């Protein structure tokens, strides 16, 4: 059964994962558990998955440079390339093609430096983050929790998420 992730509210905008028909689900109270629905157009059943995260995550495709060492230049030889898949006020989830040797470095609790720009042509943000999880598949996916965001970085990320 396919699932559609949503943030819990009294009115939730959704789209059928089978036929793409848009719709709204209205409840008396915001739901706290997942539930299933039938599409009125194609009659397929799918799961509405309630997102329990504290902060909204925005799906993105942003180039990223990172290192377990302090870097200021994306073209530094210590720098690795990646792509941010989603971003929130508190962190990012990104993918990269790391070698098996590099995987030994990038583990939970390791602090890394991230360099990325929220919009093309904008100045690079330099942010420190702690690795919260690593998933190895065809690519390596790494969850990062920001640490010590300065007020300007926090404001930029907040505005970006509101777009």
Protein backbone atom coordinates (compact mmCIF):
# COMPACT_ATOMS: atom_id res chain seq x y z
CA UNK A 1 0.00 0.00 0.00
CA UNK A 2 1.40 3.41 -0.94
CA UNK A 3 1.61 6.13 1.69
CA UNK A 4 1.36 9.90 1.71
CA UNK A 5 3.19 11.78 4.50
CA UNK A 6 1.40 14.84 5.95
CA UNK A 7 1.66 17.12 8.95
CA UNK A 8 -1.27 16.65 11.29
CA UNK A 9 -3.94 19.35 11.16
CA UNK A 10 -7.72 19.66 10.99
CA UNK A 11 -7.53 20.14 7.20
CA UNK A 12 -4.83 18.26 5.27
CA UNK A 13 -4.18 18.73 1.55
CA UNK A 14 -3.18 15.47 -0.13
CA UNK A 15 -2.71 13.94 -3.57
CA UNK A 16 -3.55 10.34 -4.47
CA UNK A 17 -0.24 8.49 -5.01
CA UNK A 18 -1.89 6.34 -7.70
CA UNK A 19 -3.77 8.77 -9.95
CA UNK A 20 -2.62 12.18 -8.71
CA UNK A 21 -6.07 13.61 -7.96
CA UNK A 22 -5.78 16.37 -5.31
CA UNK A 23 -8.01 16.37 -2.27
CA UNK A 24 -8.50 17.52 1.30
CA UNK A 25 -9.12 15.52 4.42
CA UNK A 26 -11.04 17.26 7.20
CA UNK A 27 -11.08 16.07 10.80
CA UNK A 28 -12.61 17.47 13.99
CA UNK A 29 -9.19 17.18 15.67
CA UNK A 30 -5.74 16.82 14.13
CA UNK A 31 -5.02 13.06 13.93
CA UNK A 32 -2.16 11.62 15.98
CA UNK A 33 -2.03 8.22 14.23
CA UNK A 34 -1.68 7.05 10.62
CA UNK A 35 -4.93 6.10 8.83
CA UNK A 36 -5.98 4.80 5.41
CA UNK A 37 -8.30 6.34 2.83
CA UNK A 38 -9.81 5.42 -0.54
CA UNK A 39 -9.33 7.69 -3.53
CA UNK A 40 -12.74 8.84 -4.82
CA UNK A 41 -11.46 8.79 -8.42
CA UNK A 42 -9.47 5.54 -8.80
CA UNK A 43 -10.75 3.76 -5.64
CA UNK A 44 -7.24 2.72 -4.58
CA UNK A 45 -6.57 2.54 -0.86
CA UNK A 46 -3.51 4.36 0.54
CA UNK A 47 -2.04 5.26 3.90
CA UNK A 48 -1.95 8.78 5.31
CA UNK A 49 1.27 8.83 7.35
CA UNK A 50 1.33 11.49 10.08
CA UNK A 51 4.70 13.27 10.23
CA UNK A 52 5.65 13.53 13.89
CA UNK A 53 8.74 15.70 13.43
CA UNK A 54 8.90 18.93 15.41
CA UNK A 55 9.96 20.98 12.40
CA UNK A 56 8.88 21.13 8.78
CA UNK A 57 11.32 19.51 6.32
CA UNK A 58 11.58 20.81 2.79
CA UNK A 59 12.55 18.42 -0.01
CA UNK A 60 15.41 19.98 -2.00
CA UNK A 61 18.33 19.22 -4.28
CA UNK A 62 21.13 21.52 -3.11
CA UNK A 63 24.82 20.92 -3.86
CA UNK A 64 26.86 20.48 -0.69
CA UNK A 65 30.52 20.28 0.28
CA UNK A 66 31.47 18.71 3.59
CA UNK A 67 34.39 17.44 5.62
CA UNK A 68 35.16 16.05 9.05
CA UNK A 69 37.91 18.70 9.07
CA UNK A 70 37.38 22.45 9.13
CA UNK A 71 37.05 23.78 5.57
CA UNK A 72 36.31 27.21 4.09
CA UNK A 73 36.71 26.42 0.41
CA UNK A 74 34.53 23.87 -1.43
CA UNK A 75 37.49 23.03 -3.66
CA UNK A 76 39.76 22.17 -0.73
CA UNK A 77 41.25 18.68 -1.19
CA UNK A 78 39.74 17.67 2.19
CA UNK A 79 36.27 18.55 0.91
CA UNK A 80 33.76 15.90 -0.23
CA UNK A 81 30.75 16.49 -2.52
CA UNK A 82 27.15 15.70 -1.73
CA UNK A 83 23.57 16.76 -2.36
CA UNK A 84 21.12 17.91 0.32
CA UNK A 85 17.85 15.96 -0.03
CA UNK A 86 15.89 17.78 2.66
CA UNK A 87 16.42 20.59 5.13
CA UNK A 88 14.73 21.81 8.31
CA UNK A 89 15.45 24.48 10.93
CA UNK A 90 17.54 21.94 12.83
CA UNK A 91 19.43 19.98 10.18
CA UNK A 92 19.81 18.37 6.77
CA UNK A 93 19.67 14.94 5.21
CA UNK A 94 22.11 14.51 2.35
CA UNK A 95 23.58 11.89 0.05
CA UNK A 96 27.11 11.39 -1.19
CA UNK A 97 29.28 8.80 -2.88
CA UNK A 98 31.80 8.06 -0.17
CA UNK A 99 34.47 5.38 -0.42
CA UNK A 100 34.53 2.50 2.06
CA UNK A 101 37.60 4.10 3.61
CA UNK A 102 35.75 7.42 4.11
CA UNK A 103 32.79 5.62 5.68
CA UNK A 104 35.00 4.79 8.66
CA UNK A 105 35.26 8.52 9.39
CA UNK A 106 31.61 9.53 8.89
CA UNK A 107 29.82 7.86 11.80
CA UNK A 108 27.24 8.90 14.39
CA UNK A 109 28.29 11.72 16.73
CA UNK A 110 31.10 12.95 14.42
CA UNK A 111 31.10 16.74 13.92
CA UNK A 112 31.45 17.87 10.29
CA UNK A 113 31.62 21.17 8.44
CA UNK A 114 28.99 21.84 5.75
CA UNK A 115 29.31 24.39 2.96
CA UNK A 116 26.20 25.12 0.87
CA UNK A 117 24.14 27.89 -0.64
CA UNK A 118 20.37 27.94 -0.26
CA UNK A 119 19.93 29.71 -3.60
CA UNK A 120 22.21 29.71 -6.68
CA UNK A 121 24.58 32.67 -6.57
CA UNK A 122 24.18 33.30 -2.84
CA UNK A 123 27.13 33.30 -0.48
CA UNK A 124 28.03 29.86 0.90
CA UNK A 125 26.86 29.09 4.41
CA UNK A 126 29.43 27.40 6.63
CA UNK A 127 27.65 25.35 9.28
CA UNK A 128 28.85 22.75 11.76
CA UNK A 129 26.70 19.70 12.33
CA UNK A 130 26.69 16.41 14.19
CA UNK A 131 26.00 13.18 12.33
CA UNK A 132 22.79 11.62 13.69
CA UNK A 133 22.56 8.68 11.30
CA UNK A 134 24.15 7.03 8.28
CA UNK A 135 22.36 4.83 5.73
CA UNK A 136 24.47 2.94 3.19
CA UNK A 137 22.72 1.97 -0.05
CA UNK A 138 23.82 2.73 -3.62
CA UNK A 139 24.81 6.08 -2.15
CA UNK A 140 25.53 7.06 1.44
CA UNK A 141 22.79 9.10 3.13
CA UNK A 142 23.71 11.08 6.23
CA UNK A 143 21.47 12.88 8.73
CA UNK A 144 22.94 16.00 10.32
CA UNK A 145 21.78 18.07 13.27
CA UNK A 146 23.06 21.66 13.11
CA UNK A 147 25.13 22.88 16.05
CA UNK A 148 25.81 26.48 17.00
CA UNK A 149 23.83 28.16 14.19
CA UNK A 150 24.39 31.89 14.37
CA UNK A 151 21.29 34.17 14.28
CA UNK A 152 21.93 35.16 10.64
CA UNK A 153 22.16 31.51 9.47
CA UNK A 154 19.05 30.64 11.49
CA UNK A 155 17.15 33.52 9.87
CA UNK A 156 18.29 32.59 6.32
CA UNK A 157 17.23 28.97 6.77
CA UNK A 158 13.91 30.02 8.31
CA UNK A 159 13.10 32.35 5.40
CA UNK A 160 14.14 29.69 2.90
CA UNK A 161 11.79 27.15 4.49
CA UNK A 162 8.87 29.61 4.34
CA UNK A 163 9.13 30.03 0.54
